């Protein structure tokens, strides 16, 4: 039994596409092997006793190099090698993640009379996150039912569904599709995408924070995110306003969007 190693992320996930290369002290490659689906690397070839360099690489991760001493047994026991994302930023393991609407919130906050805020949320939505091996190629797609707006006031909700605002009858769906992802700091990303609302498409950036990944009580794996964005109503042809005394607008011109998202690993949300 020759080389043995396990390649993991800081969260303990297998890096399935990692490659382990072993060179001797002259820099000559003597072993090269790829990790399996569990992040394990195994080779059968024994090596002469001596000092070697073990280099672990994977797309989207910072490479790691270490020195290994091979005894008369001829084995290289590299143990568990932990790889960090390029830039020090982690995301969940690659693959599809489906949004869990029961444990997620899509909310918006608007200023009212210039002195307070009105909070609303959408109660019907779905989405999918595809985490790529090359993290910056990851994608997000989401769809929201416009008529599911809920501010806790039936008369106000009816007005928000009307042509003055969401125009839900003619444009029942609000969609967001990402086109790029860039790191913005430890565990933070900027999602660049297109928001379509009232039939108007605009480039909108989301400030995204990754909150972690872990098992759930139903045998699944979940990832959590928080995201925010600021929208201008007039960018989406929502120009309605009512001016009250002293020229103060009843409703602010901007909306703050706040997303708290749980996603379950897999192509579709389990029943």
Protein backbone atom coordinates (compact mmCIF):
# COMPACT_ATOMS: atom_id res chain seq x y z
CA UNK A 1 0.00 0.00 0.00
CA UNK A 2 1.65 3.22 -1.17
CA UNK A 3 0.15 6.73 -0.89
CA UNK A 4 -2.77 7.34 1.46
CA UNK A 5 -4.53 10.69 1.93
CA UNK A 6 -7.93 12.26 2.48
CA UNK A 7 -8.67 15.71 1.04
CA UNK A 8 -11.28 17.83 2.79
CA UNK A 9 -12.58 21.40 2.99
CA UNK A 10 -12.48 23.27 6.30
CA UNK A 11 -16.11 22.19 6.84
CA UNK A 12 -15.08 18.55 6.45
CA UNK A 13 -16.48 17.99 2.95
CA UNK A 14 -14.67 15.78 0.45
CA UNK A 15 -12.83 17.55 -2.39
CA UNK A 16 -13.64 15.03 -5.10
CA UNK A 17 -11.56 16.59 -7.87
CA UNK A 18 -8.33 17.01 -5.88
CA UNK A 19 -5.03 15.74 -7.31
CA UNK A 20 -2.12 14.61 -5.13
CA UNK A 21 1.38 14.73 -6.62
CA UNK A 22 4.47 13.33 -4.90
CA UNK A 23 7.95 14.44 -6.00
CA UNK A 24 11.39 13.41 -4.79
CA UNK A 25 14.02 15.87 -3.63
CA UNK A 26 15.16 16.47 -7.23
CA UNK A 27 11.65 17.63 -8.15
CA UNK A 28 10.92 14.52 -10.20
CA UNK A 29 7.30 13.35 -10.05
CA UNK A 30 7.06 9.82 -8.64
CA UNK A 31 3.33 9.51 -7.88
CA UNK A 32 0.24 11.31 -9.14
CA UNK A 33 -3.31 10.31 -8.18
CA UNK A 34 -6.80 11.80 -8.11
CA UNK A 35 -9.22 11.73 -5.18
CA UNK A 36 -12.35 9.59 -5.36
CA UNK A 37 -15.90 10.68 -4.51
CA UNK A 38 -15.06 10.50 -0.79
CA UNK A 39 -11.95 12.65 -1.19
CA UNK A 40 -9.72 9.62 -0.61
CA UNK A 41 -6.46 9.06 -2.49
CA UNK A 42 -4.93 5.57 -2.61
CA UNK A 43 -2.09 4.08 -4.66
CA UNK A 44 -0.39 0.70 -4.47
CA UNK A 45 3.15 1.58 -5.61
CA UNK A 46 5.72 1.61 -2.80
CA UNK A 47 8.45 4.24 -2.71
CA UNK A 48 12.12 4.00 -1.72
CA UNK A 49 12.87 5.36 1.74
CA UNK A 50 13.64 9.07 1.84
CA UNK A 51 12.15 12.54 1.86
CA UNK A 52 9.41 13.56 -0.57
CA UNK A 53 7.20 16.57 -1.25
CA UNK A 54 3.42 16.03 -1.31
CA UNK A 55 1.48 18.64 -3.30
CA UNK A 56 -2.35 18.74 -3.23
CA UNK A 57 -4.21 20.84 -5.79
CA UNK A 58 -7.85 21.39 -6.81
CA UNK A 59 -9.60 23.93 -8.99
CA UNK A 60 -10.89 26.82 -6.89
CA UNK A 61 -8.68 25.97 -3.88
CA UNK A 62 -5.30 27.18 -2.69
CA UNK A 63 -2.66 24.44 -3.20
CA UNK A 64 -1.01 22.81 -0.19
CA UNK A 65 2.51 21.37 -0.08
CA UNK A 66 4.18 19.40 2.71
CA UNK A 67 7.19 17.18 3.28
CA UNK A 68 6.75 13.46 3.88
CA UNK A 69 9.36 11.02 5.13
CA UNK A 70 9.06 7.51 3.73
CA UNK A 71 10.45 4.70 5.88
CA UNK A 72 11.43 1.21 4.86
CA UNK A 73 7.73 0.35 4.59
CA UNK A 74 7.58 2.39 1.37
CA UNK A 75 4.31 4.04 2.39
CA UNK A 76 3.34 7.72 2.30
CA UNK A 77 0.74 8.50 4.94
CA UNK A 78 -0.34 12.07 4.19
CA UNK A 79 -3.36 11.92 6.53
CA UNK A 80 -6.15 14.47 6.12
CA UNK A 81 -5.23 17.41 3.94
CA UNK A 82 -7.44 20.51 4.39
CA UNK A 83 -7.84 22.82 1.40
CA UNK A 84 -9.08 26.41 1.66
CA UNK A 85 -11.00 28.15 -1.08
CA UNK A 86 -9.05 30.68 -3.11
CA UNK A 87 -9.26 33.98 -1.23
CA UNK A 88 -10.11 32.15 1.99
CA UNK A 89 -13.85 32.05 1.20
CA UNK A 90 -15.90 28.88 1.66
CA UNK A 91 -19.19 27.83 0.09
CA UNK A 92 -21.19 24.58 0.39
CA UNK A 93 -20.03 21.45 -1.47
CA UNK A 94 -20.52 21.60 -5.27
CA UNK A 95 -23.84 20.48 -6.71
CA UNK A 96 -27.50 21.45 -6.68
CA UNK A 97 -29.24 22.94 -3.62
CA UNK A 98 -33.00 23.49 -3.48
CA UNK A 99 -34.55 26.34 -1.52
CA UNK A 100 -36.75 25.34 1.44
CA UNK A 101 -39.65 27.86 1.47
CA UNK A 102 -40.87 26.71 4.89
CA UNK A 103 -37.60 27.79 6.51
CA UNK A 104 -36.76 30.78 4.31
CA UNK A 105 -37.96 34.38 4.22
CA UNK A 106 -38.19 36.82 1.29
CA UNK A 107 -38.91 40.23 2.78
CA UNK A 108 -38.87 43.91 1.83
CA UNK A 109 -38.83 47.09 3.89
CA UNK A 110 -40.08 50.51 2.69
CA UNK A 111 -39.98 53.88 4.40
CA UNK A 112 -43.37 55.34 5.35
CA UNK A 113 -43.96 59.07 5.83
CA UNK A 114 -40.21 59.49 6.15
CA UNK A 115 -40.24 58.46 9.83
CA UNK A 116 -41.00 54.73 10.03
CA UNK A 117 -40.86 51.50 8.05
CA UNK A 118 -43.43 49.13 6.58
CA UNK A 119 -42.36 45.48 6.47
CA UNK A 120 -43.71 42.96 3.97
CA UNK A 121 -42.87 39.46 2.82
CA UNK A 122 -43.70 37.10 0.00
CA UNK A 123 -45.21 33.80 1.10
CA UNK A 124 -44.82 31.81 -2.16
CA UNK A 125 -41.44 31.35 -3.81
CA UNK A 126 -39.01 28.71 -5.03
CA UNK A 127 -35.37 28.63 -6.02
CA UNK A 128 -32.26 26.65 -6.79
CA UNK A 129 -28.55 27.19 -6.15
CA UNK A 130 -25.95 25.39 -8.25
CA UNK A 131 -22.54 25.48 -6.57
CA UNK A 132 -19.80 24.92 -9.14
CA UNK A 133 -16.35 23.38 -8.63
CA UNK A 134 -15.14 26.79 -9.83
CA UNK A 135 -17.14 28.75 -7.24
CA UNK A 136 -17.39 31.91 -9.32
CA UNK A 137 -19.34 29.96 -11.94
CA UNK A 138 -22.05 29.07 -9.41
CA UNK A 139 -25.63 30.05 -10.29
CA UNK A 140 -28.78 31.15 -8.48
CA UNK A 141 -32.31 31.11 -9.86
CA UNK A 142 -35.45 32.13 -7.95
CA UNK A 143 -39.11 32.75 -8.67
CA UNK A 144 -41.60 34.65 -6.48
CA UNK A 145 -45.40 34.81 -6.80
CA UNK A 146 -46.13 38.55 -6.97
CA UNK A 147 -49.63 38.21 -5.49
CA UNK A 148 -48.28 36.49 -2.37
CA UNK A 149 -47.18 39.83 -0.86
CA UNK A 150 -48.22 40.08 2.80
CA UNK A 151 -47.76 43.21 4.95
CA UNK A 152 -50.33 42.30 7.56
CA UNK A 153 -52.92 44.70 6.16
CA UNK A 154 -55.41 43.41 3.58
CA UNK A 155 -56.25 46.81 2.06
CA UNK A 156 -52.58 47.69 1.65
CA UNK A 157 -51.78 44.27 0.19
CA UNK A 158 -54.54 44.66 -2.40
CA UNK A 159 -53.10 48.03 -3.43
CA UNK A 160 -49.57 46.56 -3.68
CA UNK A 161 -50.88 43.83 -6.02
CA UNK A 162 -52.50 46.45 -8.27
CA UNK A 163 -51.05 48.17 -11.35
CA UNK A 164 -49.78 50.97 -9.10
CA UNK A 165 -47.13 48.61 -7.74
CA UNK A 166 -46.54 44.91 -8.54
CA UNK A 167 -49.25 44.63 -11.23
CA UNK A 168 -49.60 40.98 -10.21
CA UNK A 169 -52.45 40.20 -12.59
CA UNK A 170 -50.41 41.03 -15.71
CA UNK A 171 -47.02 40.04 -14.26
CA UNK A 172 -47.63 37.19 -11.80
CA UNK A 173 -43.99 36.16 -11.48
CA UNK A 174 -40.93 37.95 -10.13
CA UNK A 175 -37.67 36.23 -11.13
CA UNK A 176 -33.99 36.54 -10.32
CA UNK A 177 -31.24 34.85 -12.35
CA UNK A 178 -27.58 35.31 -11.47
CA UNK A 179 -24.87 35.81 -14.08
CA UNK A 180 -21.69 36.09 -11.95
CA UNK A 181 -20.37 35.68 -8.43
CA UNK A 182 -17.40 37.53 -6.92
CA UNK A 183 -15.83 37.26 -3.44
CA UNK A 184 -16.33 40.26 -1.17
CA UNK A 185 -14.57 39.05 1.98
CA UNK A 186 -14.47 36.07 4.34
CA UNK A 187 -17.75 34.15 3.87
CA UNK A 188 -19.19 37.04 1.82
CA UNK A 189 -19.98 37.25 -1.87
CA UNK A 190 -21.56 39.64 -4.34
CA UNK A 191 -24.10 37.96 -6.60
CA UNK A 192 -24.55 39.81 -9.89
CA UNK A 193 -27.87 39.03 -11.55
CA UNK A 194 -31.00 40.18 -13.32
CA UNK A 195 -34.23 40.87 -11.44
CA UNK A 196 -37.41 40.89 -13.56
CA UNK A 197 -40.46 42.52 -11.97
CA UNK A 198 -43.55 44.02 -13.63
CA UNK A 199 -42.02 42.84 -16.92
CA UNK A 200 -38.97 45.12 -16.39
CA UNK A 201 -35.50 43.55 -16.14
CA UNK A 202 -32.73 45.30 -14.20
CA UNK A 203 -29.23 44.36 -13.07
CA UNK A 204 -29.32 43.91 -9.28
CA UNK A 205 -26.48 42.87 -6.97
CA UNK A 206 -27.10 40.80 -3.86
CA UNK A 207 -24.77 41.08 -0.85
CA UNK A 208 -24.58 37.43 0.18
CA UNK A 209 -23.28 35.94 3.42
CA UNK A 210 -22.78 32.19 3.78
CA UNK A 211 -23.82 31.12 7.29
CA UNK A 212 -22.74 27.47 7.24
CA UNK A 213 -23.76 23.94 6.39
CA UNK A 214 -24.97 21.02 8.48
CA UNK A 215 -27.25 17.97 8.71
CA UNK A 216 -30.98 18.26 9.36
CA UNK A 217 -33.22 15.89 11.40
CA UNK A 218 -34.65 14.30 8.21
CA UNK A 219 -31.41 12.89 6.83
CA UNK A 220 -30.64 15.83 4.55
CA UNK A 221 -27.90 18.43 4.43
CA UNK A 222 -28.72 22.15 4.63
CA UNK A 223 -26.90 25.36 3.84
CA UNK A 224 -27.90 28.78 5.14
CA UNK A 225 -27.46 32.21 3.57
CA UNK A 226 -28.41 35.82 4.27
CA UNK A 227 -28.63 38.34 1.45
CA UNK A 228 -29.64 41.97 1.05
CA UNK A 229 -30.20 44.36 -1.83
CA UNK A 230 -31.59 47.84 -2.41
CA UNK A 231 -34.08 48.56 -5.19
CA UNK A 232 -35.41 51.81 -6.60
CA UNK A 233 -39.15 51.60 -7.28
CA UNK A 234 -38.97 53.81 -10.36
CA UNK A 235 -36.44 51.39 -11.96
CA UNK A 236 -39.37 48.97 -12.22
CA UNK A 237 -41.99 51.54 -13.30
CA UNK A 238 -43.58 51.68 -9.83
CA UNK A 239 -44.05 55.44 -9.90
CA UNK A 240 -47.16 55.71 -7.73
CA UNK A 241 -46.83 58.04 -4.79
CA UNK A 242 -48.99 60.14 -2.55
CA UNK A 243 -47.59 63.40 -1.23
CA UNK A 244 -48.82 64.43 2.18
CA UNK A 245 -48.27 67.68 4.04
CA UNK A 246 -44.93 69.53 3.80
CA UNK A 247 -44.12 67.70 0.57
CA UNK A 248 -43.32 64.43 2.33
CA UNK A 249 -43.94 61.30 0.24
CA UNK A 250 -46.11 58.65 1.85
CA UNK A 251 -43.89 55.86 0.49
CA UNK A 252 -40.12 55.92 0.11
CA UNK A 253 -38.50 55.67 -3.32
CA UNK A 254 -36.26 52.75 -2.32
CA UNK A 255 -36.92 49.26 -0.98
CA UNK A 256 -34.55 47.19 1.09
CA UNK A 257 -34.77 43.49 0.27
CA UNK A 258 -33.75 40.99 2.95
CA UNK A 259 -33.43 37.25 2.28
CA UNK A 260 -32.90 34.52 4.86
CA UNK A 261 -32.46 31.30 2.96
CA UNK A 262 -32.15 27.62 3.83
CA UNK A 263 -31.33 25.29 0.95
CA UNK A 264 -31.36 21.48 0.98
CA UNK A 265 -28.76 19.51 -0.92
CA UNK A 266 -30.29 17.92 -4.04
CA UNK A 267 -32.01 18.69 -7.33
CA UNK A 268 -35.43 19.07 -5.73
CA UNK A 269 -36.82 19.78 -2.29
CA UNK A 270 -37.87 16.50 -0.60
CA UNK A 271 -41.52 16.04 0.23
